[in-house]
Amino acid sequence: MDDLVQQAMAKWPNVPDCYGWLGLDARGDWYMRDDQTQALGTFTQSKGSRLQHEKLIAFIGRNYACDKQGHWYFQNGPQRVYVELEATPWVWRLQPDGTIHAHTGMPVRMQRCIMDEHGRVYLDTEQGFGLLHTQDVVQAADLVEAGLWVPQAVPARELPKRFGYVRSPQQSAVAQVKT
């Protein structure tokens, strides 16, 4: 996490959390979701505006983390901005040399390969759990055929619980208020 972010958190410890305004899609792209976009439905129904500013995207990536409940967020100075996930908290890119990078650019090492009933490929890494980018599935298939990756079958509905992440912190927060 950036030093300036940590300093802001110490200076203003009681800034309210923000829900619904930021989303991460299944291709590793960040989306800003204003009130109008949120009124149209969940993140999977209405994504919002794709972020394209490289420095902002890098800032979000450096300050992206998870709380104890499995809610992923971007620490924006003193404010925690919870992220709506289209699929998983990480989107992995398989490089031509076989290495794996996160959607944030960080290199990671795979611990195991997962495949759901729809043929989507996921990787569990030391950094966490994520979806393999669709453009990299052919290269992954080559690794499976070569015996280098052995996917385990896991139903898609079980992935969030098994790997400890919440796709919609906003819906989770609303549900907690109702109980």
C-alpha atoms as a PDB file:
ATOM      1  CA  MET A   1       0.000   0.000   0.000  1.00  0.00           C
ATOM      2  CA  ASP A   2       1.284   3.488  -0.834  1.00  0.00           C
ATOM      3  CA  ASP A   3       2.827   5.497   2.036  1.00  0.00           C
ATOM      4  CA  LEU A   4       0.546   8.455   1.284  1.00  0.00           C
ATOM      5  CA  VAL A   5      -2.491   6.184   1.594  1.00  0.00           C
ATOM      6  CA  GLN A   6      -1.290   4.850   4.960  1.00  0.00           C
ATOM      7  CA  GLN A   7      -0.671   8.404   6.187  1.00  0.00           C
ATOM      8  CA  ALA A   8      -4.173   9.472   5.119  1.00  0.00           C
ATOM      9  CA  MET A   9      -5.675   6.484   6.921  1.00  0.00           C
ATOM     10  CA  ALA A  10      -3.862   7.469  10.134  1.00  0.00           C
ATOM     11  CA  LYS A  11      -4.868  11.131   9.792  1.00  0.00           C
ATOM     12  CA  TRP A  12      -8.566  10.446   9.015  1.00  0.00           C
ATOM     13  CA  PRO A  13      -9.446   7.084  10.607  1.00  0.00           C
ATOM     14  CA  ASN A  14     -13.244   7.439  10.509  1.00  0.00           C
ATOM     15  CA  VAL A  15     -14.024   8.054   6.823  1.00  0.00           C
ATOM     16  CA  PRO A  16     -17.081   5.981   5.825  1.00  0.00           C
ATOM     17  CA  ASP A  17     -16.649   3.062   3.446  1.00  0.00           C
ATOM     18  CA  CYS A  18     -17.864   3.331  -0.141  1.00  0.00           C
ATOM     19  CA  TYR A  19     -19.902   0.594  -1.840  1.00  0.00           C
ATOM     20  CA  GLY A  20     -20.936  -0.024  -5.432  1.00  0.00           C
ATOM     21  CA  TRP A  21     -18.776   2.626  -7.114  1.00  0.00           C
ATOM     22  CA  LEU A  22     -15.950   0.447  -8.426  1.00  0.00           C
ATOM     23  CA  GLY A  23     -16.071  -2.854 -10.294  1.00  0.00           C
ATOM     24  CA  LEU A  24     -13.584  -5.374 -11.691  1.00  0.00           C
ATOM     25  CA  ASP A  25     -14.736  -7.348 -14.715  1.00  0.00           C
ATOM     26  CA  ALA A  26     -13.758 -10.848 -15.851  1.00  0.00           C
ATOM     27  CA  ARG A  27     -11.106  -9.399 -18.198  1.00  0.00           C
ATOM     28  CA  GLY A  28      -9.291  -7.465 -15.444  1.00  0.00           C
ATOM     29  CA  ASP A  29     -10.691  -4.048 -16.347  1.00  0.00           C
ATOM     30  CA  TRP A  30     -11.803  -1.541 -13.702  1.00  0.00           C
ATOM     31  CA  TYR A  31     -15.143   0.254 -14.012  1.00  0.00           C
ATOM     32  CA  MET A  32     -16.436   3.401 -12.304  1.00  0.00           C
ATOM     33  CA  ARG A  33     -20.122   3.080 -11.391  1.00  0.00           C
ATOM     34  CA  ASP A  34     -21.950   6.338 -10.689  1.00  0.00           C
ATOM     35  CA  ASP A  35     -25.423   6.585  -9.078  1.00  0.00           C
ATOM     36  CA  GLN A  36     -27.178   6.314 -12.444  1.00  0.00           C
ATOM     37  CA  THR A  37     -25.258   3.162 -13.378  1.00  0.00           C
ATOM     38  CA  GLN A  38     -25.927   1.577  -9.995  1.00  0.00           C
ATOM     39  CA  ALA A  39     -29.653   2.334 -10.337  1.00  0.00           C
ATOM     40  CA  LEU A  40     -29.681   0.164 -13.486  1.00  0.00           C
ATOM     41  CA  GLY A  41     -28.725  -2.955 -11.518  1.00  0.00           C
ATOM     42  CA  THR A  42     -25.826  -5.028 -10.269  1.00  0.00           C
ATOM     43  CA  PHE A  43     -22.348  -4.860 -11.749  1.00  0.00           C
ATOM     44  CA  THR A  44     -23.046  -7.795 -14.048  1.00  0.00           C
ATOM     45  CA  GLN A  45     -26.143  -5.959 -15.337  1.00  0.00           C
ATOM     46  CA  SER A  46     -24.626  -2.467 -15.657  1.00  0.00           C
ATOM     47  CA  LYS A  47     -20.854  -2.070 -15.559  1.00  0.00           C
ATOM     48  CA  GLY A  48     -20.435   1.687 -15.891  1.00  0.00           C
ATOM     49  CA  SER A  49     -17.451   3.518 -17.384  1.00  0.00           C
ATOM     50  CA  ARG A  50     -14.243   1.597 -18.061  1.00  0.00           C
ATOM     51  CA  LEU A  51     -11.222   3.253 -16.487  1.00  0.00           C
ATOM     52  CA  GLN A  52      -8.441   3.967 -18.967  1.00  0.00           C
ATOM     53  CA  HIS A  53      -6.105   6.346 -17.112  1.00  0.00           C
ATOM     54  CA  GLU A  54      -2.933   4.283 -16.635  1.00  0.00           C
ATOM     55  CA  LYS A  55      -1.739   6.056 -13.483  1.00  0.00           C
ATOM     56  CA  LEU A  56      -5.144   5.716 -11.805  1.00  0.00           C
ATOM     57  CA  ILE A  57      -5.284   2.020 -12.719  1.00  0.00           C
ATOM     58  CA  ALA A  58      -1.772   1.515 -11.310  1.00  0.00           C
ATOM     59  CA  PHE A  59      -2.747   3.390  -8.107  1.00  0.00           C
ATOM     60  CA  ILE A  60      -5.796   1.156  -7.658  1.00  0.00           C
ATOM     61  CA  GLY A  61      -3.652  -1.942  -8.244  1.00  0.00           C
ATOM     62  CA  ARG A  62      -1.073  -0.912  -5.630  1.00  0.00           C
ATOM     63  CA  ASN A  63      -3.770  -0.281  -3.042  1.00  0.00           C
ATOM     64  CA  TYR A  64      -6.017  -3.289  -3.739  1.00  0.00           C
ATOM     65  CA  ALA A  65      -6.605  -5.606  -0.775  1.00  0.00           C
ATOM     66  CA  CYS A  66      -9.066  -7.867   0.999  1.00  0.00           C
ATOM     67  CA  ASP A  67     -10.697  -7.641   4.417  1.00  0.00           C
ATOM     68  CA  LYS A  68     -11.292 -10.562   6.815  1.00  0.00           C
ATOM     69  CA  GLN A  69     -14.761 -11.221   5.364  1.00  0.00           C
ATOM     70  CA  GLY A  70     -13.452 -11.723   1.814  1.00  0.00           C
ATOM     71  CA  HIS A  71     -14.572  -8.293   0.577  1.00  0.00           C
ATOM     72  CA  TRP A  72     -12.067  -6.817  -1.875  1.00  0.00           C
ATOM     73  CA  TYR A  73     -11.456  -3.083  -1.826  1.00  0.00           C
ATOM     74  CA  PHE A  74      -9.306  -0.255  -3.091  1.00  0.00           C
ATOM     75  CA  GLN A  75      -7.897   1.900  -0.298  1.00  0.00           C
ATOM     76  CA  ASN A  76      -8.333   5.407  -1.722  1.00  0.00           C
ATOM     77  CA  GLY A  77      -6.552   7.554   0.839  1.00  0.00           C
ATOM     78  CA  PRO A  78      -8.574   7.287   4.036  1.00  0.00           C
ATOM     79  CA  GLN A  79     -11.608   5.778   2.278  1.00  0.00           C
ATOM     80  CA  ARG A  80     -12.105   2.087   1.614  1.00  0.00           C
ATOM     81  CA  VAL A  81     -13.835   1.629  -1.758  1.00  0.00           C
ATOM     82  CA  TYR A  82     -15.287  -1.870  -1.988  1.00  0.00           C
ATOM     83  CA  VAL A  83     -15.067  -3.575  -5.379  1.00  0.00           C
ATOM     84  CA  GLU A  84     -17.911  -5.366  -7.150  1.00  0.00           C
ATOM     85  CA  LEU A  85     -16.477  -8.461  -8.837  1.00  0.00           C
ATOM     86  CA  GLU A  86     -17.863  -9.834 -12.074  1.00  0.00           C
ATOM     87  CA  ALA A  87     -16.014 -13.102 -11.493  1.00  0.00           C
ATOM     88  CA  THR A  88     -13.073 -13.272  -9.064  1.00  0.00           C
ATOM     89  CA  PRO A  89     -10.770 -10.858  -7.211  1.00  0.00           C
ATOM     90  CA  TRP A  90      -7.895 -11.563  -9.577  1.00  0.00           C
ATOM     91  CA  VAL A  91      -7.667 -11.982 -13.328  1.00  0.00           C
ATOM     92  CA  TRP A  92      -4.545 -13.823 -14.432  1.00  0.00           C
ATOM     93  CA  ARG A  93      -2.629 -13.354 -17.679  1.00  0.00           C
ATOM     94  CA  LEU A  94      -0.498 -16.213 -18.934  1.00  0.00           C
ATOM     95  CA  GLN A  95       2.677 -14.880 -20.510  1.00  0.00           C
ATOM     96  CA  PRO A  96       4.340 -16.460 -23.589  1.00  0.00           C
ATOM     97  CA  ASP A  97       7.135 -17.818 -21.362  1.00  0.00           C
ATOM     98  CA  GLY A  98       4.587 -19.541 -19.075  1.00  0.00           C
ATOM     99  CA  THR A  99       4.792 -17.074 -16.216  1.00  0.00           C
ATOM    100  CA  ILE A 100       1.591 -15.661 -14.758  1.00  0.00           C
ATOM    101  CA  HIS A 101       0.790 -12.019 -14.025  1.00  0.00           C
ATOM    102  CA  ALA A 102      -2.173 -10.491 -12.231  1.00  0.00           C
ATOM    103  CA  HIS A 103      -4.392  -7.863 -13.855  1.00  0.00           C
ATOM    104  CA  THR A 104      -2.372  -5.429 -11.712  1.00  0.00           C
ATOM    105  CA  GLY A 105       0.859  -6.535 -13.420  1.00  0.00           C
ATOM    106  CA  MET A 106       2.234  -8.403 -10.397  1.00  0.00           C
ATOM    107  CA  PRO A 107       3.936 -11.749 -11.173  1.00  0.00           C
ATOM    108  CA  VAL A 108       2.560 -14.763  -9.261  1.00  0.00           C
ATOM    109  CA  ARG A 109       3.152 -18.494  -8.959  1.00  0.00           C
ATOM    110  CA  MET A 110       0.361 -20.981  -9.460  1.00  0.00           C
ATOM    111  CA  GLN A 111      -0.416 -23.496  -6.745  1.00  0.00           C
ATOM    112  CA  ARG A 112      -3.270 -25.287  -8.521  1.00  0.00           C
ATOM    113  CA  CYS A 113      -5.522 -25.098 -11.537  1.00  0.00           C
ATOM    114  CA  ILE A 114      -9.330 -25.251 -11.279  1.00  0.00           C
ATOM    115  CA  MET A 115     -11.955 -25.699 -13.985  1.00  0.00           C
ATOM    116  CA  ASP A 116     -15.684 -25.142 -13.545  1.00  0.00           C
ATOM    117  CA  GLU A 117     -18.565 -26.854 -15.335  1.00  0.00           C
ATOM    118  CA  HIS A 118     -18.570 -24.115 -17.996  1.00  0.00           C
ATOM    119  CA  GLY A 119     -14.936 -24.752 -18.972  1.00  0.00           C
ATOM    120  CA  ARG A 120     -13.606 -21.583 -17.309  1.00  0.00           C
ATOM    121  CA  VAL A 121     -10.070 -21.909 -15.986  1.00  0.00           C
ATOM    122  CA  TYR A 122      -9.077 -20.497 -12.604  1.00  0.00           C
ATOM    123  CA  LEU A 123      -5.740 -20.424 -10.844  1.00  0.00           C
ATOM    124  CA  ASP A 124      -5.071 -20.505  -7.139  1.00  0.00           C
ATOM    125  CA  THR A 125      -1.793 -18.689  -6.474  1.00  0.00           C
ATOM    126  CA  GLU A 126       0.177 -17.508  -3.458  1.00  0.00           C
ATOM    127  CA  GLN A 127      -1.483 -14.119  -4.046  1.00  0.00           C
ATOM    128  CA  GLY A 128      -4.993 -15.545  -4.149  1.00  0.00           C
ATOM    129  CA  PHE A 129      -7.638 -16.993  -6.403  1.00  0.00           C
ATOM    130  CA  GLY A 130      -8.572 -15.719  -9.847  1.00  0.00           C
ATOM    131  CA  LEU A 131      -9.913 -16.349 -13.312  1.00  0.00           C
ATOM    132  CA  LEU A 132      -7.566 -16.952 -16.231  1.00  0.00           C
ATOM    133  CA  HIS A 133      -8.162 -14.337 -18.929  1.00  0.00           C
ATOM    134  CA  THR A 134     -10.175 -15.745 -21.836  1.00  0.00           C
ATOM    135  CA  GLN A 135      -7.440 -14.857 -24.335  1.00  0.00           C
ATOM    136  CA  ASP A 136      -5.045 -17.187 -22.514  1.00  0.00           C
ATOM    137  CA  VAL A 137      -7.210 -20.321 -22.417  1.00  0.00           C
ATOM    138  CA  VAL A 138      -5.675 -21.847 -25.577  1.00  0.00           C
ATOM    139  CA  GLN A 139      -2.180 -21.571 -24.089  1.00  0.00           C
ATOM    140  CA  ALA A 140      -3.508 -23.063 -20.839  1.00  0.00           C
ATOM    141  CA  ALA A 141      -5.050 -25.964 -22.801  1.00  0.00           C
ATOM    142  CA  ASP A 142      -1.610 -26.699 -24.238  1.00  0.00           C
ATOM    143  CA  LEU A 143      -0.199 -26.852 -20.691  1.00  0.00           C
ATOM    144  CA  VAL A 144      -3.013 -29.204 -19.626  1.00  0.00           C
ATOM    145  CA  GLU A 145      -2.459 -31.473 -22.650  1.00  0.00           C
ATOM    146  CA  ALA A 146       1.272 -31.556 -21.870  1.00  0.00           C
ATOM    147  CA  GLY A 147       0.460 -32.685 -18.319  1.00  0.00           C
ATOM    148  CA  LEU A 148       1.987 -29.558 -16.767  1.00  0.00           C
ATOM    149  CA  TRP A 149      -1.372 -28.371 -15.396  1.00  0.00           C
ATOM    150  CA  VAL A 150      -3.915 -30.797 -13.957  1.00  0.00           C
ATOM    151  CA  PRO A 151      -7.222 -28.973 -13.430  1.00  0.00           C
ATOM    152  CA  GLN A 152      -9.471 -29.912 -10.530  1.00  0.00           C
ATOM    153  CA  ALA A 153     -13.210 -29.733 -11.225  1.00  0.00           C
ATOM    154  CA  VAL A 154     -15.108 -27.359  -8.927  1.00  0.00           C
ATOM    155  CA  PRO A 155     -18.658 -26.105  -9.557  1.00  0.00           C
ATOM    156  CA  ALA A 156     -18.757 -22.345 -10.196  1.00  0.00           C
ATOM    157  CA  ARG A 157     -21.300 -21.742  -7.397  1.00  0.00           C
ATOM    158  CA  GLU A 158     -18.822 -23.162  -4.833  1.00  0.00           C
ATOM    159  CA  LEU A 159     -15.835 -20.996  -5.790  1.00  0.00           C
ATOM    160  CA  PRO A 160     -16.541 -17.882  -3.651  1.00  0.00           C
ATOM    161  CA  LYS A 161     -17.037 -19.873  -0.450  1.00  0.00           C
ATOM    162  CA  ARG A 162     -14.189 -22.299  -1.105  1.00  0.00           C
ATOM    163  CA  PHE A 163     -11.687 -19.541  -1.951  1.00  0.00           C
ATOM    164  CA  GLY A 164     -12.959 -16.923   0.505  1.00  0.00           C
ATOM    165  CA  TYR A 165     -14.163 -14.003  -1.598  1.00  0.00           C
ATOM    166  CA  VAL A 166     -17.403 -12.057  -1.921  1.00  0.00           C
ATOM    167  CA  ARG A 167     -18.458 -10.966  -5.404  1.00  0.00           C
ATOM    168  CA  SER A 168     -20.668  -8.126  -4.167  1.00  0.00           C
ATOM    169  CA  PRO A 169     -19.599  -6.414  -0.949  1.00  0.00           C
ATOM    170  CA  GLN A 170     -22.461  -3.966  -1.522  1.00  0.00           C
ATOM    171  CA  GLN A 171     -25.097  -6.724  -1.429  1.00  0.00           C
ATOM    172  CA  SER A 172     -23.325  -8.291   1.554  1.00  0.00           C
ATOM    173  CA  ALA A 173     -23.417  -4.971   3.443  1.00  0.00           C
ATOM    174  CA  VAL A 174     -27.124  -4.492   2.673  1.00  0.00           C
ATOM    175  CA  ALA A 175     -27.858  -8.038   3.890  1.00  0.00           C
ATOM    176  CA  GLN A 176     -25.982  -7.379   7.169  1.00  0.00           C
ATOM    177  CA  VAL A 177     -28.009  -4.215   7.814  1.00  0.00           C
ATOM    178  CA  LYS A 178     -31.268  -6.157   7.324  1.00  0.00           C
ATOM    179  CA  THR A 179     -30.309  -8.814   9.893  1.00  0.00           C
END
